[in-house]
Amino acid sequence: MRRDLAARGERAVDTARLLARSVLDTNPVPDWEHVTKVDPEGAKKLPLLYPLWLAETDAVSVGGSSDVTPANTAAAFDLLAPLSTPVCHEPSGADHVTEQSHDVADLLLVPEVLNGDSEALVGTLGTAIESVREELAPELIRRKASWLPDRVADWLAGVATSLLLSEAAFEAYIVQNPDSAAARESGVGAEDLLDPTDAKRRAMAADRHLESEIVYLEYSGTFGGDEAVETLERIDGALVRSRVWYGGGLANAEDVRAVREAGADTVVVGDAFHRVAEREADLLEQAATDLDADASPETIREWVADRVDAEGSGARFLSTVPGVDDPVALAREYTGTTVRAWLELRARSRRAREGSGEPTVDVQDTTLRAALAPIVDDPDALAAAIARGALAGPDDVVADGSRRSDQLSASLVDAGTSH
């Protein structure tokens, strides 16, 4: 009788939970429209005034498929932590989840691939859970409460592991570009690509069985076009709780509009953002040659207007952000501010070296600090960090052994007297 009552009670709880999932929005992932993916690998750079560009997006996701290490992940978080924009962490390795990343990230995103090999679905996750349970959690407990008996500390480490996973959001990927790094890492070949019907079925399994918070249709650097639109249309309306994210090859407002109208809740843009930094490096090098350090704002505006247009990387990235009405004007504004800030930093670095031989730069009353003041809580600290990173020489390292300048577009520029 008691067993019967217990079973009925459990069924009642399950029913209530199902109704809540169906009627209420219980998904902890916000209904963001636009997420910018920041890849920490050395070849992917951030614009010098990245806080300006990232203030336009709804959230930032840190992660990548290749050449991502604990060191460059930590360096990326150092630069992104001061932002008011939410920062998520999508680790590609178990050792990338650290106490620092847990403290800084607003949301932990755990990837699982629906059309890859079993390792990509459960093997990698098992390795990550083992790392948290046997390394990260025990170390954290030891630091916070070294006086606890071993048995109690071990029990708390288990509780901390479960808590971390309960706070994470699981991303159920459908990887559709077999030539991408994401496909190689997850064992997706051409034979594993899904047609719209099969993609819908796996998305439903992720939503209703795996209870994944996100179903992620990923074309990884290539726009999915009509196929992606049809797949999203099939998935749209079939899910109860999962958010639908689309990523891959988005380069203009038309592409974004197509996938959002087809059913994507959120678009994820990565390469388009990093291309802003690539182009910026060329512009900063030209500016150092063409413009004087004390060039007037009007001179800089005219110089930038001749070099930034609708086909440029800055305008293309901003055109993917819903709500940005004039991407060209905003790209010119941000680029002009960046050029002015870069010329000032070079001039101040030169004067500092001539005076004391040290590359320390005072960021007070600079364009850099003024640009950051409206969008971050501590513009002095972030301006100093950006200046140090931008002007760092090849032998200047930070605590974790990485060079923070490697994260910024300015690391591609010969800064002349600043190096």
Protein backbone atom coordinates (compact mmCIF):
# COMPACT_ATOMS: atom_id res chain seq x y z
CA MET A 1 0.00 0.00 0.00
CA ARG A 2 2.77 2.41 0.96
CA ARG A 3 4.66 1.46 -2.19
CA ASP A 4 1.49 2.14 -4.20
CA LEU A 5 1.07 5.56 -2.63
CA ALA A 6 4.73 6.38 -3.23
CA ALA A 7 4.42 5.39 -6.88
CA ARG A 8 1.31 7.52 -7.28
CA GLY A 9 3.08 10.41 -5.64
CA GLU A 10 6.02 10.08 -8.01
CA ARG A 11 3.67 9.95 -11.01
CA ALA A 12 1.87 13.06 -9.75
CA VAL A 13 5.19 14.90 -9.44
CA ASP A 14 6.20 13.76 -12.94
CA THR A 15 2.87 14.91 -14.36
CA ALA A 16 3.16 18.30 -12.68
CA ARG A 17 6.69 18.64 -13.98
CA LEU A 18 5.58 17.76 -17.51
CA LEU A 19 2.71 20.26 -17.36
CA ALA A 20 5.09 22.94 -16.11
CA ARG A 21 7.48 22.19 -18.98
CA SER A 22 4.64 22.33 -21.48
CA VAL A 23 2.79 25.40 -20.20
CA LEU A 24 5.47 27.47 -18.50
CA ASP A 25 8.83 28.58 -19.87
CA THR A 26 11.08 26.74 -17.40
CA ASN A 27 14.18 26.87 -19.61
CA PRO A 28 17.01 28.67 -17.75
CA VAL A 29 18.57 29.83 -21.04
CA PRO A 30 17.36 33.38 -21.76
CA ASP A 31 15.50 33.98 -25.00
CA TRP A 32 18.44 35.78 -26.58
CA GLU A 33 18.19 36.85 -30.22
CA HIS A 34 21.92 37.15 -30.93
CA VAL A 35 24.96 35.43 -29.39
CA THR A 36 28.55 36.20 -30.39
CA LYS A 37 30.95 33.28 -30.16
CA VAL A 38 34.50 34.16 -29.09
CA ASP A 39 37.06 31.52 -29.97
CA PRO A 40 40.13 31.71 -27.68
CA GLU A 41 42.49 30.03 -30.16
CA GLY A 42 45.50 32.13 -31.17
CA ALA A 43 44.44 32.67 -34.77
CA LYS A 44 41.13 34.26 -33.73
CA LYS A 45 41.43 37.85 -32.49
CA LEU A 46 39.31 40.38 -30.67
CA PRO A 47 38.93 43.96 -31.94
CA LEU A 48 40.93 46.40 -29.84
CA LEU A 49 37.74 48.00 -28.51
CA TYR A 50 35.87 44.70 -28.38
CA PRO A 51 33.60 45.93 -25.52
CA LEU A 52 31.95 48.37 -27.94
CA TRP A 53 31.15 45.69 -30.51
CA LEU A 54 30.05 43.15 -27.90
CA ALA A 55 27.74 45.66 -26.24
CA GLU A 56 25.48 45.17 -29.28
CA THR A 57 25.05 41.41 -28.81
CA ASP A 58 22.80 39.73 -26.24
CA ALA A 59 25.45 37.33 -24.92
CA VAL A 60 28.97 36.06 -25.55
CA SER A 61 29.87 32.37 -25.73
CA VAL A 62 33.52 31.41 -25.16
CA GLY A 63 34.67 28.22 -26.84
CA GLY A 64 36.02 26.60 -29.98
CA SER A 65 36.70 23.28 -31.65
CA SER A 66 40.47 23.34 -32.14
CA ASP A 67 43.63 24.83 -30.60
CA VAL A 68 41.74 25.87 -27.46
CA THR A 69 43.76 25.46 -24.26
CA PRO A 70 43.19 26.21 -20.57
CA ALA A 71 45.69 29.09 -20.91
CA ASN A 72 44.08 30.89 -23.85
CA THR A 73 40.62 30.24 -22.39
CA ALA A 74 41.71 31.91 -19.14
CA ALA A 75 43.18 34.83 -21.10
CA ALA A 76 39.89 35.29 -22.97
CA PHE A 77 37.94 35.29 -19.71
CA ASP A 78 40.33 37.88 -18.26
CA LEU A 79 39.35 40.25 -21.07
CA LEU A 80 35.63 39.41 -21.12
CA ALA A 81 34.93 39.27 -17.38
CA PRO A 82 34.47 43.07 -16.96
CA LEU A 83 31.73 43.26 -19.61
CA SER A 84 28.10 43.86 -18.70
CA THR A 85 27.11 41.54 -21.55
CA PRO A 86 26.42 38.00 -20.22
CA VAL A 87 29.30 35.58 -20.85
CA CYS A 88 28.77 31.85 -21.34
CA HIS A 89 31.39 29.12 -21.36
CA GLU A 90 31.23 26.25 -23.83
CA PRO A 91 34.30 24.17 -22.94
CA SER A 92 35.82 21.89 -25.54
CA GLY A 93 37.90 20.02 -22.95
CA ALA A 94 37.34 18.86 -19.39
CA ASP A 95 40.34 20.84 -18.11
CA HIS A 96 38.91 24.08 -19.52
CA VAL A 97 36.36 24.20 -16.69
CA THR A 98 38.17 25.92 -13.84
CA GLU A 99 37.24 27.81 -10.72
CA GLN A 100 37.90 31.04 -12.63
CA SER A 101 35.66 30.09 -15.56
CA HIS A 102 32.92 28.96 -13.17
CA ASP A 103 33.09 32.25 -11.27
CA VAL A 104 33.14 34.44 -14.37
CA ALA A 105 30.71 32.64 -16.68
CA ASP A 106 27.02 33.45 -16.31
CA LEU A 107 26.13 30.11 -17.85
CA LEU A 108 27.97 26.84 -18.51
CA LEU A 109 27.03 25.31 -21.88
CA VAL A 110 27.66 21.57 -22.19
CA PRO A 111 27.79 20.33 -25.81
CA GLU A 112 26.41 16.97 -26.92
CA VAL A 113 26.29 15.99 -30.60
CA LEU A 114 23.17 14.20 -31.83
CA ASN A 115 24.59 12.97 -35.15
CA GLY A 116 28.19 12.22 -34.20
CA ASP A 117 29.87 9.22 -32.62
CA SER A 118 28.99 8.01 -29.13
CA GLU A 119 32.07 9.72 -27.73
CA ALA A 120 30.63 13.09 -28.80
CA LEU A 121 27.33 12.36 -27.07
CA VAL A 122 28.32 10.73 -23.79
CA GLY A 123 32.05 9.96 -23.75
CA THR A 124 33.26 13.55 -23.61
CA LEU A 125 30.56 14.42 -21.10
CA GLY A 126 31.62 11.51 -18.89
CA THR A 127 35.23 12.69 -19.00
CA ALA A 128 34.15 16.21 -18.06
CA ILE A 129 32.00 15.01 -15.14
CA GLU A 130 34.87 12.83 -13.91
CA SER A 131 37.24 15.80 -14.06
CA VAL A 132 34.85 18.00 -12.06
CA ARG A 133 34.07 15.25 -9.52
CA GLU A 134 37.63 14.06 -8.96
CA GLU A 135 39.69 17.22 -9.51
CA LEU A 136 37.90 20.58 -9.63
CA ALA A 137 35.31 20.02 -6.86
CA PRO A 138 37.70 18.36 -4.34
CA GLU A 139 40.30 21.10 -4.89
CA LEU A 140 37.67 23.78 -4.37
CA ILE A 141 36.44 22.12 -1.15
CA ARG A 142 40.04 21.80 0.10
CA ARG A 143 40.70 25.49 -0.48
CA LYS A 144 37.46 26.66 1.07
CA ALA A 145 37.29 24.24 4.01
CA SER A 146 40.56 22.38 4.49
CA TRP A 147 39.53 21.47 8.05
CA LEU A 148 36.72 19.16 6.95
CA PRO A 149 37.16 15.39 7.46
CA ASP A 150 37.94 13.54 4.23
CA ARG A 151 34.61 11.71 4.18
CA VAL A 152 32.63 14.94 4.52
CA ALA A 153 34.80 16.72 1.95
CA ASP A 154 34.26 13.88 -0.52
CA TRP A 155 30.50 14.00 0.03
CA LEU A 156 30.48 17.77 -0.52
CA ALA A 157 32.52 17.34 -3.71
CA GLY A 158 29.80 15.03 -5.00
CA VAL A 159 27.11 17.56 -4.10
CA ALA A 160 29.09 20.36 -5.79
CA THR A 161 29.41 18.27 -8.97
CA SER A 162 25.66 17.65 -9.10
CA LEU A 163 24.97 21.33 -8.41
CA LEU A 164 27.30 22.43 -11.22
CA LEU A 165 25.55 20.13 -13.69
CA SER A 166 22.10 21.23 -12.52
CA GLU A 167 23.06 24.84 -13.26
CA ALA A 168 24.49 24.01 -16.70
CA ALA A 169 22.61 24.16 -19.99
CA PHE A 170 23.01 21.25 -22.39
CA GLU A 171 23.43 22.01 -26.10
CA ALA A 172 22.24 19.24 -28.40
CA TYR A 173 24.17 19.88 -31.62
CA ILE A 174 23.16 18.78 -35.10
CA VAL A 175 26.41 19.28 -37.03
CA GLN A 176 25.77 19.70 -40.76
CA ASN A 177 29.16 20.72 -42.20
CA PRO A 178 31.36 17.60 -42.46
CA ASP A 179 34.42 19.68 -43.39
CA SER A 180 34.36 21.72 -40.18
CA ALA A 181 36.54 21.36 -37.11
CA ALA A 182 33.35 20.71 -35.11
CA ALA A 183 32.57 17.72 -37.35
CA ARG A 184 36.10 16.34 -37.07
CA GLU A 185 36.04 16.63 -33.28
CA SER A 186 32.64 14.92 -33.00
CA GLY A 187 33.11 12.21 -35.63
CA VAL A 188 30.54 13.57 -38.09
CA GLY A 189 31.12 12.49 -41.68
CA ALA A 190 29.15 13.10 -44.86
CA GLU A 191 27.13 9.96 -44.16
CA ASP A 192 26.03 11.37 -40.78
CA LEU A 193 24.36 14.52 -42.12
CA LEU A 194 20.63 14.63 -41.40
CA ASP A 195 17.78 15.50 -43.71
CA PRO A 196 15.13 17.84 -42.26
CA THR A 197 12.87 14.97 -41.13
CA ASP A 198 15.62 13.10 -39.26
CA ALA A 199 16.91 16.36 -37.77
CA LYS A 200 13.43 17.11 -36.43
CA ARG A 201 13.18 13.62 -34.87
CA ARG A 202 16.53 13.94 -33.10
CA ALA A 203 15.67 17.44 -31.95
CA MET A 204 12.45 16.08 -30.43
CA ALA A 205 14.41 13.33 -28.66
CA ALA A 206 16.82 15.93 -27.28
CA ASP A 207 13.94 18.08 -26.08
CA ARG A 208 11.68 15.41 -24.57
CA HIS A 209 14.12 12.68 -23.51
CA LEU A 210 17.54 14.27 -23.00
CA GLU A 211 15.86 17.48 -21.77
CA SER A 212 18.51 19.56 -23.54
CA GLU A 213 18.03 23.25 -22.97
CA ILE A 214 19.29 24.07 -26.48
CA VAL A 215 18.96 22.37 -29.86
CA TYR A 216 21.76 23.81 -31.98
CA LEU A 217 21.69 23.52 -35.79
CA GLU A 218 25.35 24.07 -36.70
CA TYR A 219 26.75 24.65 -40.18
CA SER A 220 30.06 25.94 -38.80
CA GLY A 221 31.33 28.66 -41.14
CA THR A 222 29.01 27.81 -44.05
CA PHE A 223 25.51 29.17 -44.45
CA GLY A 224 22.95 26.36 -44.53
CA GLY A 225 20.65 28.16 -46.98
CA ASP A 226 17.40 26.52 -48.05
CA GLU A 227 18.29 23.24 -46.34
CA ALA A 228 18.78 24.96 -42.99
CA VAL A 229 15.56 26.94 -43.44
CA GLU A 230 13.58 23.76 -44.15
CA THR A 231 15.14 21.99 -41.17
CA LEU A 232 14.33 24.87 -38.85
CA GLU A 233 10.76 24.98 -40.16
CA ARG A 234 10.38 21.27 -39.35
CA ILE A 235 11.85 21.69 -35.86
CA ASP A 236 9.85 24.84 -35.10
CA GLY A 237 6.72 23.92 -33.18
CA ALA A 238 7.89 20.35 -32.51
CA LEU A 239 9.77 21.21 -29.33
CA VAL A 240 8.33 21.79 -25.86
CA ARG A 241 11.13 23.46 -23.92
CA SER A 242 14.39 23.59 -25.85
CA ARG A 243 15.58 26.83 -27.39
CA VAL A 244 16.55 26.54 -31.07
CA TRP A 245 19.94 28.07 -31.98
CA TYR A 246 21.38 28.39 -35.45
CA GLY A 247 25.06 28.99 -36.25
CA GLY A 248 27.04 28.97 -39.48
CA GLY A 249 27.97 31.43 -42.22
CA LEU A 250 25.73 34.30 -41.15
CA ALA A 251 27.09 37.40 -42.85
CA ASN A 252 24.17 39.79 -43.33
CA ALA A 253 20.72 40.75 -42.13
CA GLU A 254 19.01 38.74 -44.88
CA ASP A 255 20.56 35.46 -43.71
CA VAL A 256 19.63 36.21 -40.11
CA ARG A 257 16.07 37.10 -41.06
CA ALA A 258 15.70 33.86 -43.05
CA VAL A 259 16.73 31.53 -40.22
CA ARG A 260 14.85 33.45 -37.54
CA GLU A 261 11.63 33.45 -39.56
CA ALA A 262 12.12 29.72 -40.11
CA GLY A 263 12.17 29.08 -36.37
CA ALA A 264 15.57 29.87 -34.86
CA ASP A 265 15.19 31.56 -31.48
CA THR A 266 18.83 32.62 -31.45
CA VAL A 267 21.51 33.18 -34.08
CA VAL A 268 25.15 32.58 -33.19
CA VAL A 269 27.84 34.55 -35.00
CA GLY A 270 31.55 33.79 -34.58
CA ASP A 271 33.69 34.09 -37.69
CA ALA A 272 32.02 37.37 -38.71
CA PHE A 273 33.08 38.88 -35.38
CA HIS A 274 36.67 37.68 -35.61
CA ARG A 275 36.89 39.07 -39.16
CA VAL A 276 36.29 42.52 -37.64
CA ALA A 277 39.60 42.14 -35.81
CA GLU A 278 41.43 40.88 -38.92
CA ARG A 279 40.36 43.89 -40.95
CA GLU A 280 40.99 46.20 -38.02
CA ALA A 281 44.64 45.11 -37.84
CA ASP A 282 45.12 46.23 -41.45
CA LEU A 283 43.40 49.54 -40.77
CA LEU A 284 45.49 50.26 -37.68
CA GLU A 285 48.67 49.59 -39.62
CA GLN A 286 47.52 51.98 -42.37
CA ALA A 287 46.46 54.58 -39.80
CA ALA A 288 49.89 54.57 -38.17
CA THR A 289 51.34 55.50 -41.58
CA ASP A 290 48.66 57.87 -42.88
CA LEU A 291 47.63 59.79 -39.77
CA ASP A 292 49.44 61.91 -37.21
CA ALA A 293 49.09 61.02 -33.54
CA ASP A 294 47.15 64.27 -32.97
CA ALA A 295 44.91 63.95 -36.03
CA SER A 296 41.61 65.73 -35.50
CA PRO A 297 38.38 63.74 -35.03
CA GLU A 298 37.12 65.10 -38.36
CA THR A 299 40.28 63.95 -40.18
CA ILE A 300 39.91 60.47 -38.67
CA ARG A 301 36.19 60.32 -39.55
CA GLU A 302 36.93 61.16 -43.18
CA TRP A 303 39.78 58.64 -43.31
CA VAL A 304 37.57 55.92 -41.86
CA ALA A 305 34.62 56.74 -44.13
CA ASP A 306 36.81 56.08 -47.17
CA ARG A 307 37.70 52.61 -45.85
CA VAL A 308 34.57 51.28 -44.09
CA ASP A 309 31.45 50.47 -46.11
CA ALA A 310 28.54 48.02 -46.21
CA GLU A 311 30.76 45.21 -47.52
CA GLY A 312 33.31 45.64 -44.72
CA SER A 313 33.61 43.16 -41.90
CA GLY A 314 32.43 45.59 -39.21
CA ALA A 315 29.20 46.47 -40.99
CA ARG A 316 28.58 42.84 -41.90
CA PHE A 317 28.92 41.71 -38.29
CA LEU A 318 26.64 44.47 -37.03
CA SER A 319 24.09 43.68 -39.75
CA THR A 320 23.60 40.27 -38.11
CA VAL A 321 22.44 41.93 -34.87
CA PRO A 322 18.68 42.48 -34.75
CA GLY A 323 17.97 46.06 -33.73
CA VAL A 324 21.06 47.67 -35.28
CA ASP A 325 19.40 50.05 -37.76
CA ASP A 326 22.47 51.45 -39.53
CA PRO A 327 25.37 48.97 -39.44
CA VAL A 328 27.61 51.09 -41.66
CA ALA A 329 27.29 54.22 -39.51
CA LEU A 330 27.91 52.25 -36.32
CA ALA A 331 30.89 50.40 -37.84
CA ARG A 332 32.41 53.74 -38.87
CA GLU A 333 31.82 55.15 -35.39
CA TYR A 334 33.45 52.19 -33.65
CA THR A 335 36.33 52.02 -36.13
CA GLY A 336 37.00 55.74 -35.84
CA THR A 337 37.08 55.49 -32.05
CA THR A 338 39.46 52.53 -32.32
CA VAL A 339 41.83 54.37 -34.66
CA ARG A 340 41.88 57.43 -32.41
CA ALA A 341 42.49 55.26 -29.32
CA TRP A 342 45.30 53.34 -31.08
CA LEU A 343 47.10 56.52 -32.20
CA GLU A 344 46.91 57.89 -28.65
CA LEU A 345 48.23 54.67 -27.13
CA ARG A 346 51.18 54.60 -29.53
CA ALA A 347 52.04 58.22 -28.78
CA ARG A 348 51.78 57.77 -25.01
CA SER A 349 53.83 54.58 -25.15
CA ARG A 350 56.53 56.37 -27.12
CA ARG A 351 56.66 59.22 -24.59
CA ALA A 352 56.74 56.79 -21.66
CA ARG A 353 59.67 54.89 -23.15
CA GLU A 354 61.58 58.05 -23.92
CA GLY A 355 61.07 59.32 -20.39
CA SER A 356 61.67 56.22 -18.27
CA GLY A 357 62.32 53.34 -20.61
CA GLU A 358 59.18 51.61 -19.27
CA PRO A 359 56.19 50.88 -21.52
CA THR A 360 53.65 51.87 -18.82
CA VAL A 361 50.87 53.98 -20.33
CA ASP A 362 48.56 56.31 -18.39
CA VAL A 363 45.04 55.66 -19.68
CA GLN A 364 43.39 58.58 -17.92
CA ASP A 365 41.82 61.15 -20.24
CA THR A 366 42.20 58.86 -23.25
CA THR A 367 39.76 57.96 -26.00
CA LEU A 368 40.09 54.35 -24.87
CA ARG A 369 38.85 55.05 -21.35
CA ALA A 370 36.13 57.44 -22.54
CA ALA A 371 34.78 54.80 -24.94
CA LEU A 372 34.59 52.18 -22.17
CA ALA A 373 33.10 54.41 -19.44
CA PRO A 374 29.44 54.13 -20.53
CA ILE A 375 29.45 50.33 -20.91
CA VAL A 376 31.60 48.83 -18.11
CA ASP A 377 31.67 49.32 -14.34
CA ASP A 378 35.43 49.84 -14.04
CA PRO A 379 36.69 51.58 -17.19
CA ASP A 380 40.06 52.39 -15.60
CA ALA A 381 40.97 48.75 -14.99
CA LEU A 382 39.73 47.51 -18.36
CA ALA A 383 41.38 50.36 -20.27
CA ALA A 384 44.66 49.57 -18.53
CA ALA A 385 44.30 45.86 -19.35
CA ILE A 386 43.57 46.57 -23.02
CA ALA A 387 46.48 49.00 -23.23
CA ARG A 388 48.86 46.48 -21.68
CA GLY A 389 47.65 43.79 -24.05
CA ALA A 390 47.79 45.99 -27.13
CA LEU A 391 51.28 47.28 -26.41
CA ALA A 392 52.81 44.06 -25.05
CA GLY A 393 56.01 42.95 -26.67
CA PRO A 394 56.77 39.40 -27.78
CA ASP A 395 58.39 38.57 -24.44
CA ASP A 396 55.73 40.09 -22.20
CA VAL A 397 53.73 37.32 -20.50
CA VAL A 398 50.92 37.21 -17.99
CA ALA A 399 50.58 34.98 -14.97
CA ASP A 400 49.34 31.88 -16.81
CA GLY A 401 52.20 32.02 -19.30
CA SER A 402 50.16 33.28 -22.26
CA ARG A 403 50.54 36.64 -23.97
CA ARG A 404 47.38 38.66 -23.59
CA SER A 405 48.29 40.63 -26.71
CA ASP A 406 47.62 37.42 -28.65
CA GLN A 407 43.92 37.95 -28.00
CA LEU A 408 43.77 41.44 -29.57
CA SER A 409 43.86 42.66 -33.17
CA ALA A 410 46.78 44.92 -32.26
CA SER A 411 48.98 41.83 -31.83
CA LEU A 412 48.98 41.63 -35.65
CA VAL A 413 50.23 45.21 -36.01
CA ASP A 414 53.82 46.39 -35.91
CA ALA A 415 53.41 49.04 -33.24
CA GLY A 416 56.80 50.52 -33.97
CA THR A 417 58.11 52.32 -30.93
CA SER A 418 55.57 50.66 -28.68
CA HIS A 419 57.36 47.30 -29.04
